[in-house]
């Protein structure tokens, strides 16, 4: 009985090489963007300070926000902690959506963090067998 279950489980979690590489590419794109966004906050260029203050956050929070984003992204990039990183990034990106909704930002500013979150989770689903076991999609 155990062997039959294992076979069935393996079938639901298998992913093609193309899908696996698509997952890696989606993950790489989201990691590169989020690392850039987090690291640039550590240097506080004028454009980042202006944008952050316009969103209602004091300037002295920028470095802390950058550290949190960079740390969450690094956790996501490491295979052993990628699920934790994705969960933490979801919270961070949810805060970005809430901030832009609160200030009445343009639609793109509200939707873009949602798209990044979809890339994070989609990439993880395609490249990580643990996610496919956790959320088995069936045809």
N, C-alpha and C. Protein backbone atom coordinates (compact mmCIF):
# COMPACT_ATOMS: atom_id res chain seq x y z
N UNK A 1 0.83 -1.18 0.00
CA UNK A 1 0.00 0.00 0.00
C UNK A 1 0.88 1.25 0.00
N UNK A 2 1.94 1.27 0.80
CA UNK A 2 2.82 2.42 0.85
C UNK A 2 3.44 2.74 -0.49
N UNK A 3 3.83 1.70 -1.25
CA UNK A 3 4.43 1.91 -2.56
C UNK A 3 3.45 2.56 -3.53
N UNK A 4 2.20 2.11 -3.48
CA UNK A 4 1.18 2.67 -4.37
C UNK A 4 0.96 4.15 -4.06
N UNK A 5 0.90 4.49 -2.78
CA UNK A 5 0.73 5.90 -2.38
C UNK A 5 1.91 6.73 -2.86
N UNK A 6 3.10 6.21 -2.70
CA UNK A 6 4.29 6.94 -3.12
C UNK A 6 4.27 7.19 -4.62
N UNK A 7 3.83 6.20 -5.41
CA UNK A 7 3.76 6.38 -6.85
C UNK A 7 2.77 7.47 -7.20
N UNK A 8 1.60 7.42 -6.58
CA UNK A 8 0.57 8.42 -6.85
C UNK A 8 1.06 9.81 -6.48
N UNK A 9 1.71 9.92 -5.32
CA UNK A 9 2.23 11.21 -4.87
C UNK A 9 3.30 11.73 -5.83
N UNK A 10 4.16 10.86 -6.30
CA UNK A 10 5.21 11.27 -7.22
C UNK A 10 4.62 11.78 -8.52
N UNK A 11 3.52 11.18 -8.97
CA UNK A 11 2.89 11.62 -10.20
C UNK A 11 2.31 13.03 -10.04
N UNK A 12 1.76 13.36 -8.90
CA UNK A 12 1.15 14.67 -8.71
C UNK A 12 2.19 15.76 -8.52
N UNK A 13 3.44 15.42 -8.20
CA UNK A 13 4.44 16.44 -7.95
C UNK A 13 5.45 16.58 -9.08
N UNK A 14 5.38 15.71 -10.09
CA UNK A 14 6.34 15.77 -11.19
C UNK A 14 6.13 17.04 -12.01
N UNK A 15 7.22 17.61 -12.44
CA UNK A 15 7.15 18.78 -13.31
C UNK A 15 8.18 18.60 -14.43
N UNK A 16 7.83 19.08 -15.60
CA UNK A 16 8.74 18.93 -16.74
C UNK A 16 9.98 19.81 -16.56
N UNK A 17 11.01 19.50 -17.34
CA UNK A 17 12.22 20.32 -17.29
C UNK A 17 11.92 21.75 -17.70
N UNK A 18 11.05 21.92 -18.70
CA UNK A 18 10.69 23.28 -19.14
C UNK A 18 10.02 24.06 -18.01
N UNK A 19 9.09 23.41 -17.32
CA UNK A 19 8.40 24.07 -16.21
C UNK A 19 9.38 24.38 -15.08
N UNK A 20 10.28 23.45 -14.79
CA UNK A 20 11.28 23.67 -13.75
C UNK A 20 12.14 24.89 -14.08
N UNK A 21 12.61 24.98 -15.32
CA UNK A 21 13.44 26.12 -15.73
C UNK A 21 12.62 27.40 -15.79
N UNK A 22 11.36 27.30 -16.16
CA UNK A 22 10.50 28.48 -16.12
C UNK A 22 10.39 28.99 -14.69
N UNK A 23 10.27 28.05 -13.74
CA UNK A 23 10.22 28.43 -12.33
C UNK A 23 11.49 29.11 -11.87
N UNK A 24 12.62 28.57 -12.31
CA UNK A 24 13.90 29.20 -11.94
C UNK A 24 14.00 30.61 -12.53
N UNK A 25 13.53 30.78 -13.75
CA UNK A 25 13.59 32.10 -14.39
C UNK A 25 12.66 33.08 -13.68
N UNK A 26 11.43 32.65 -13.38
CA UNK A 26 10.50 33.52 -12.65
C UNK A 26 11.08 33.90 -11.29
N UNK A 27 11.66 32.92 -10.60
CA UNK A 27 12.27 33.19 -9.30
C UNK A 27 13.45 34.14 -9.44
N UNK A 28 14.29 33.91 -10.44
CA UNK A 28 15.46 34.78 -10.63
C UNK A 28 15.04 36.21 -10.91
N UNK A 29 14.02 36.39 -11.75
CA UNK A 29 13.54 37.75 -12.05
C UNK A 29 13.03 38.44 -10.78
N UNK A 30 12.24 37.72 -10.00
CA UNK A 30 11.72 38.34 -8.78
C UNK A 30 12.83 38.60 -7.78
N UNK A 31 13.79 37.68 -7.66
CA UNK A 31 14.92 37.87 -6.74
C UNK A 31 15.74 39.09 -7.15
N UNK A 32 16.06 39.19 -8.43
CA UNK A 32 16.86 40.34 -8.90
C UNK A 32 16.14 41.66 -8.63
N UNK A 33 14.86 41.72 -8.95
CA UNK A 33 14.12 42.95 -8.70
C UNK A 33 14.06 43.29 -7.21
N UNK A 34 13.71 42.31 -6.39
CA UNK A 34 13.55 42.56 -4.96
C UNK A 34 14.88 42.88 -4.28
N UNK A 35 15.96 42.21 -4.70
CA UNK A 35 17.28 42.54 -4.15
C UNK A 35 17.68 43.97 -4.53
N UNK A 36 17.45 44.33 -5.78
CA UNK A 36 17.74 45.70 -6.21
C UNK A 36 16.96 46.70 -5.37
N UNK A 37 15.66 46.44 -5.21
CA UNK A 37 14.80 47.35 -4.44
C UNK A 37 15.25 47.44 -2.99
N UNK A 38 15.62 46.31 -2.40
CA UNK A 38 16.06 46.32 -1.00
C UNK A 38 17.41 46.98 -0.81
N UNK A 39 18.37 46.66 -1.68
CA UNK A 39 19.72 47.21 -1.54
C UNK A 39 19.75 48.70 -1.82
N UNK A 40 18.98 49.16 -2.80
CA UNK A 40 19.00 50.60 -3.11
C UNK A 40 18.46 51.41 -1.93
N UNK A 41 17.56 50.82 -1.15
CA UNK A 41 17.05 51.51 0.04
C UNK A 41 18.16 51.70 1.08
N UNK A 42 19.15 50.82 1.08
CA UNK A 42 20.25 50.94 2.04
C UNK A 42 21.14 52.15 1.74
N UNK A 43 21.14 52.57 0.47
CA UNK A 43 21.97 53.72 0.07
C UNK A 43 21.20 55.04 0.06
N UNK A 44 19.88 54.95 0.16
CA UNK A 44 18.98 56.10 0.27
C UNK A 44 19.24 57.20 -0.78
N UNK A 45 19.22 56.89 -2.06
CA UNK A 45 19.33 57.96 -3.05
C UNK A 45 18.11 58.87 -2.95
N UNK A 46 18.23 60.08 -3.45
CA UNK A 46 17.18 61.09 -3.32
C UNK A 46 15.83 60.58 -3.83
N UNK A 47 15.82 59.87 -4.94
CA UNK A 47 14.56 59.39 -5.51
C UNK A 47 13.86 58.42 -4.56
N UNK A 48 14.61 57.59 -3.85
CA UNK A 48 14.03 56.66 -2.89
C UNK A 48 13.49 57.42 -1.68
N UNK A 49 14.25 58.39 -1.20
CA UNK A 49 13.79 59.19 -0.06
C UNK A 49 12.51 59.92 -0.42
N UNK A 50 12.48 60.56 -1.58
CA UNK A 50 11.27 61.29 -2.02
C UNK A 50 10.07 60.37 -2.09
N UNK A 51 10.23 59.23 -2.76
CA UNK A 51 9.11 58.30 -2.94
C UNK A 51 8.61 57.77 -1.60
N UNK A 52 9.52 57.45 -0.71
CA UNK A 52 9.14 56.90 0.59
C UNK A 52 8.39 57.93 1.43
N UNK A 53 8.88 59.15 1.44
CA UNK A 53 8.22 60.22 2.20
C UNK A 53 6.85 60.53 1.60
N UNK A 54 6.73 60.52 0.27
CA UNK A 54 5.44 60.76 -0.38
C UNK A 54 4.42 59.68 -0.01
N UNK A 55 4.91 58.48 0.29
CA UNK A 55 4.01 57.40 0.69
C UNK A 55 3.64 57.47 2.18
N UNK A 56 4.20 58.44 2.88
CA UNK A 56 3.83 58.64 4.28
C UNK A 56 4.76 58.01 5.30
N UNK A 57 5.90 57.51 4.85
CA UNK A 57 6.86 56.91 5.77
C UNK A 57 7.98 57.91 6.06
N UNK A 58 8.41 58.01 7.31
CA UNK A 58 9.52 58.91 7.62
C UNK A 58 10.83 58.41 7.01
N UNK A 59 11.72 59.31 6.70
CA UNK A 59 12.99 58.96 6.07
C UNK A 59 13.79 57.97 6.91
N UNK A 60 13.68 58.06 8.22
CA UNK A 60 14.49 57.18 9.07
C UNK A 60 14.03 55.71 9.04
N UNK A 61 12.96 55.39 8.31
CA UNK A 61 12.52 54.00 8.19
C UNK A 61 13.07 53.30 6.94
N UNK A 62 13.66 54.06 6.04
CA UNK A 62 14.06 53.50 4.74
C UNK A 62 15.09 52.38 4.88
N UNK A 63 16.12 52.58 5.68
CA UNK A 63 17.16 51.55 5.81
C UNK A 63 16.57 50.29 6.44
N UNK A 64 15.74 50.43 7.44
CA UNK A 64 15.10 49.26 8.06
C UNK A 64 14.24 48.49 7.06
N UNK A 65 13.49 49.21 6.25
CA UNK A 65 12.67 48.57 5.22
C UNK A 65 13.57 47.84 4.23
N UNK A 66 14.69 48.46 3.85
CA UNK A 66 15.63 47.83 2.93
C UNK A 66 16.24 46.57 3.51
N UNK A 67 16.56 46.60 4.80
CA UNK A 67 17.14 45.42 5.45
C UNK A 67 16.12 44.28 5.48
N UNK A 68 14.88 44.59 5.83
CA UNK A 68 13.83 43.57 5.88
C UNK A 68 13.62 42.96 4.50
N UNK A 69 13.50 43.80 3.48
CA UNK A 69 13.27 43.29 2.13
C UNK A 69 14.44 42.44 1.65
N UNK A 70 15.65 42.90 1.88
CA UNK A 70 16.83 42.15 1.45
C UNK A 70 16.92 40.81 2.18
N UNK A 71 16.67 40.81 3.47
CA UNK A 71 16.72 39.56 4.25
C UNK A 71 15.65 38.57 3.78
N UNK A 72 14.44 39.04 3.56
CA UNK A 72 13.36 38.16 3.08
C UNK A 72 13.69 37.59 1.71
N UNK A 73 14.28 38.41 0.85
CA UNK A 73 14.63 37.97 -0.49
C UNK A 73 15.75 36.94 -0.45
N UNK A 74 16.72 37.14 0.42
CA UNK A 74 17.80 36.16 0.56
C UNK A 74 17.23 34.83 1.06
N UNK A 75 16.32 34.87 2.02
CA UNK A 75 15.68 33.65 2.49
C UNK A 75 14.96 32.94 1.35
N UNK A 76 14.30 33.71 0.49
CA UNK A 76 13.60 33.14 -0.66
C UNK A 76 14.58 32.51 -1.65
N UNK A 77 15.72 33.12 -1.82
CA UNK A 77 16.71 32.64 -2.80
C UNK A 77 17.39 31.34 -2.36
N UNK A 78 17.43 31.06 -1.08
CA UNK A 78 18.08 29.85 -0.56
C UNK A 78 17.06 28.71 -0.59
N UNK A 79 17.35 27.64 -1.33
CA UNK A 79 16.35 26.56 -1.46
C UNK A 79 15.78 26.04 -0.14
N UNK A 80 16.62 25.88 0.88
CA UNK A 80 16.14 25.33 2.16
C UNK A 80 15.18 26.27 2.88
N UNK A 81 15.23 27.57 2.61
CA UNK A 81 14.37 28.53 3.31
C UNK A 81 13.45 29.27 2.35
N UNK A 82 13.33 28.78 1.13
CA UNK A 82 12.57 29.51 0.11
C UNK A 82 11.10 29.67 0.46
N UNK A 83 10.49 28.68 1.07
CA UNK A 83 9.07 28.80 1.42
C UNK A 83 8.88 29.86 2.50
N UNK A 84 9.72 29.86 3.51
CA UNK A 84 9.67 30.91 4.54
C UNK A 84 9.87 32.27 3.89
N UNK A 85 10.85 32.38 3.00
CA UNK A 85 11.09 33.65 2.32
C UNK A 85 9.88 34.10 1.52
N UNK A 86 9.22 33.17 0.83
CA UNK A 86 8.03 33.52 0.05
C UNK A 86 6.90 34.01 0.96
N UNK A 87 6.73 33.37 2.10
CA UNK A 87 5.70 33.81 3.06
C UNK A 87 6.01 35.23 3.55
N UNK A 88 7.26 35.47 3.92
CA UNK A 88 7.65 36.80 4.41
C UNK A 88 7.53 37.86 3.31
N UNK A 89 7.91 37.50 2.09
CA UNK A 89 7.77 38.45 0.97
C UNK A 89 6.30 38.75 0.68
N UNK A 90 5.44 37.78 0.89
CA UNK A 90 4.01 38.01 0.70
C UNK A 90 3.52 39.09 1.67
N UNK A 91 3.97 39.01 2.91
CA UNK A 91 3.62 40.05 3.88
C UNK A 91 4.15 41.41 3.47
N UNK A 92 5.41 41.44 3.05
CA UNK A 92 6.03 42.70 2.62
C UNK A 92 5.27 43.29 1.43
N UNK A 93 4.99 42.46 0.43
CA UNK A 93 4.31 42.95 -0.76
C UNK A 93 2.86 43.35 -0.46
N UNK A 94 2.23 42.65 0.48
CA UNK A 94 0.89 43.04 0.92
C UNK A 94 0.91 44.43 1.55
N UNK A 95 1.97 44.72 2.31
CA UNK A 95 2.13 46.06 2.88
C UNK A 95 2.31 47.11 1.81
N UNK A 96 3.01 46.76 0.74
CA UNK A 96 3.18 47.69 -0.38
C UNK A 96 1.84 47.99 -1.04
N UNK A 97 1.04 46.95 -1.24
CA UNK A 97 -0.29 47.15 -1.83
C UNK A 97 -1.12 48.05 -0.92
N UNK A 98 -1.14 47.74 0.37
CA UNK A 98 -1.93 48.52 1.32
C UNK A 98 -1.48 49.98 1.35
N UNK A 99 -0.19 50.21 1.29
CA UNK A 99 0.34 51.58 1.30
C UNK A 99 -0.16 52.35 0.08
N UNK A 100 -0.06 51.74 -1.09
CA UNK A 100 -0.48 52.43 -2.30
C UNK A 100 -2.00 52.64 -2.35
N UNK A 101 -2.76 51.72 -1.81
CA UNK A 101 -4.21 51.90 -1.72
C UNK A 101 -4.51 53.06 -0.78
N UNK A 102 -3.82 53.10 0.37
CA UNK A 102 -4.05 54.14 1.38
C UNK A 102 -3.80 55.53 0.84
N UNK A 103 -2.75 55.70 0.03
CA UNK A 103 -2.42 57.03 -0.49
C UNK A 103 -3.12 57.33 -1.81
N UNK A 104 -3.95 56.38 -2.28
CA UNK A 104 -4.66 56.61 -3.54
C UNK A 104 -3.74 56.55 -4.75
N UNK A 105 -2.77 55.66 -4.69
CA UNK A 105 -1.80 55.54 -5.78
C UNK A 105 -2.45 55.06 -7.06
N UNK A 106 -1.71 55.21 -8.16
CA UNK A 106 -2.23 54.75 -9.44
C UNK A 106 -2.39 53.23 -9.46
N UNK A 107 -3.24 52.74 -10.34
CA UNK A 107 -3.53 51.32 -10.42
C UNK A 107 -2.26 50.48 -10.57
N UNK A 108 -1.33 50.93 -11.40
CA UNK A 108 -0.10 50.15 -11.60
C UNK A 108 0.65 49.97 -10.29
N UNK A 109 0.73 51.01 -9.47
CA UNK A 109 1.44 50.92 -8.19
C UNK A 109 0.77 49.94 -7.23
N UNK A 110 -0.52 49.76 -7.38
CA UNK A 110 -1.26 48.82 -6.54
C UNK A 110 -1.11 47.39 -7.07
N UNK A 111 -1.16 47.25 -8.38
CA UNK A 111 -1.14 45.92 -8.99
C UNK A 111 0.28 45.33 -9.08
N UNK A 112 1.29 46.18 -9.24
CA UNK A 112 2.65 45.68 -9.44
C UNK A 112 3.14 44.77 -8.31
N UNK A 113 2.95 45.12 -7.03
CA UNK A 113 3.39 44.19 -5.97
C UNK A 113 2.63 42.85 -6.02
N UNK A 114 1.41 42.87 -6.50
CA UNK A 114 0.63 41.63 -6.64
C UNK A 114 1.28 40.76 -7.73
N UNK A 115 1.69 41.40 -8.82
CA UNK A 115 2.36 40.67 -9.91
C UNK A 115 3.67 40.07 -9.41
N UNK A 116 4.44 40.86 -8.65
CA UNK A 116 5.71 40.35 -8.11
C UNK A 116 5.43 39.16 -7.18
N UNK A 117 4.41 39.27 -6.36
CA UNK A 117 4.05 38.15 -5.48
C UNK A 117 3.67 36.90 -6.28
N UNK A 118 2.95 37.08 -7.37
CA UNK A 118 2.60 35.96 -8.23
C UNK A 118 3.85 35.33 -8.85
N UNK A 119 4.81 36.16 -9.23
CA UNK A 119 6.07 35.63 -9.76
C UNK A 119 6.82 34.84 -8.69
N UNK A 120 6.83 35.36 -7.47
CA UNK A 120 7.50 34.68 -6.35
C UNK A 120 6.90 33.30 -6.14
N UNK A 121 5.57 33.24 -6.00
CA UNK A 121 4.92 31.96 -5.70
C UNK A 121 4.88 31.05 -6.92
N UNK A 122 4.67 31.61 -8.11
CA UNK A 122 4.67 30.79 -9.32
C UNK A 122 6.02 30.17 -9.56
N UNK A 123 7.07 30.96 -9.41
CA UNK A 123 8.43 30.43 -9.57
C UNK A 123 8.73 29.35 -8.56
N UNK A 124 8.31 29.58 -7.33
CA UNK A 124 8.55 28.59 -6.27
C UNK A 124 7.79 27.30 -6.55
N UNK A 125 6.55 27.42 -6.97
CA UNK A 125 5.73 26.24 -7.27
C UNK A 125 6.37 25.40 -8.37
N UNK A 126 6.87 26.04 -9.40
CA UNK A 126 7.43 25.31 -10.53
C UNK A 126 8.80 24.70 -10.23
N UNK A 127 9.58 25.33 -9.34
CA UNK A 127 10.94 24.84 -9.10
C UNK A 127 11.10 24.02 -7.83
N UNK A 128 10.09 23.99 -6.97
CA UNK A 128 10.26 23.33 -5.68
C UNK A 128 9.21 22.25 -5.47
N UNK A 129 9.69 21.02 -5.37
CA UNK A 129 8.80 19.88 -5.20
C UNK A 129 7.96 19.98 -3.93
N UNK A 130 8.50 20.60 -2.88
CA UNK A 130 7.75 20.73 -1.62
C UNK A 130 6.46 21.52 -1.84
N UNK A 131 6.53 22.55 -2.68
CA UNK A 131 5.33 23.35 -2.95
C UNK A 131 4.31 22.54 -3.73
N UNK A 132 4.77 21.75 -4.68
CA UNK A 132 3.84 20.94 -5.47
C UNK A 132 3.20 19.86 -4.60
N UNK A 133 3.89 19.40 -3.56
CA UNK A 133 3.30 18.45 -2.63
C UNK A 133 2.28 19.16 -1.74
N UNK A 134 2.60 20.38 -1.36
CA UNK A 134 1.71 21.14 -0.48
C UNK A 134 0.44 21.56 -1.21
N UNK A 135 0.58 21.92 -2.47
CA UNK A 135 -0.56 22.37 -3.27
C UNK A 135 -0.59 21.53 -4.55
N UNK A 136 -1.09 20.31 -4.47
CA UNK A 136 -1.09 19.45 -5.65
C UNK A 136 -2.17 19.85 -6.64
N UNK A 137 -1.78 20.40 -7.75
CA UNK A 137 -2.74 20.71 -8.81
C UNK A 137 -2.92 19.46 -9.66
N UNK A 138 -4.14 19.18 -9.99
CA UNK A 138 -4.43 17.97 -10.76
C UNK A 138 -5.13 18.33 -12.05
N UNK A 139 -4.85 17.57 -13.08
CA UNK A 139 -5.49 17.84 -14.36
C UNK A 139 -6.80 17.09 -14.49
